[in-house]
Amino acid sequence: MKTRKVCVVITARPSYSRVKTALQAIRAHPGLELQLVVAASALLERYGTVVRYIEEDGFDVEAPSRQHRAWAFSFQAPGGFKIVVRC
């Protein structure tokens, strides 16, 4: 069975709370690979650093990097295409 990658972007505590159960189901599914990207206020200390809670729940977080003079993350799409999302 071919594994499919599911990329989820978390930008704030409410968005993480809404999708936490779905993330656990994706992670537990043998045919799916979860890629979790955390951005925006979810990374900021003044909003509770949600990324810390996400990591404590056992999820691996994809770190953004500086690309093309902006913060970005990338992933490999079906067909060998590389998708870059700039913030």
Foldseek 3Di string as FASTA:
>chain_A
DAAAEDEDEAEADVVCVVCVVVQVVQVPDPRYHYAYEYDHPCCDVVRPVVVVVVVVVPDDYDYWDQDPNFTWDWDAHPPRDIDIDGD
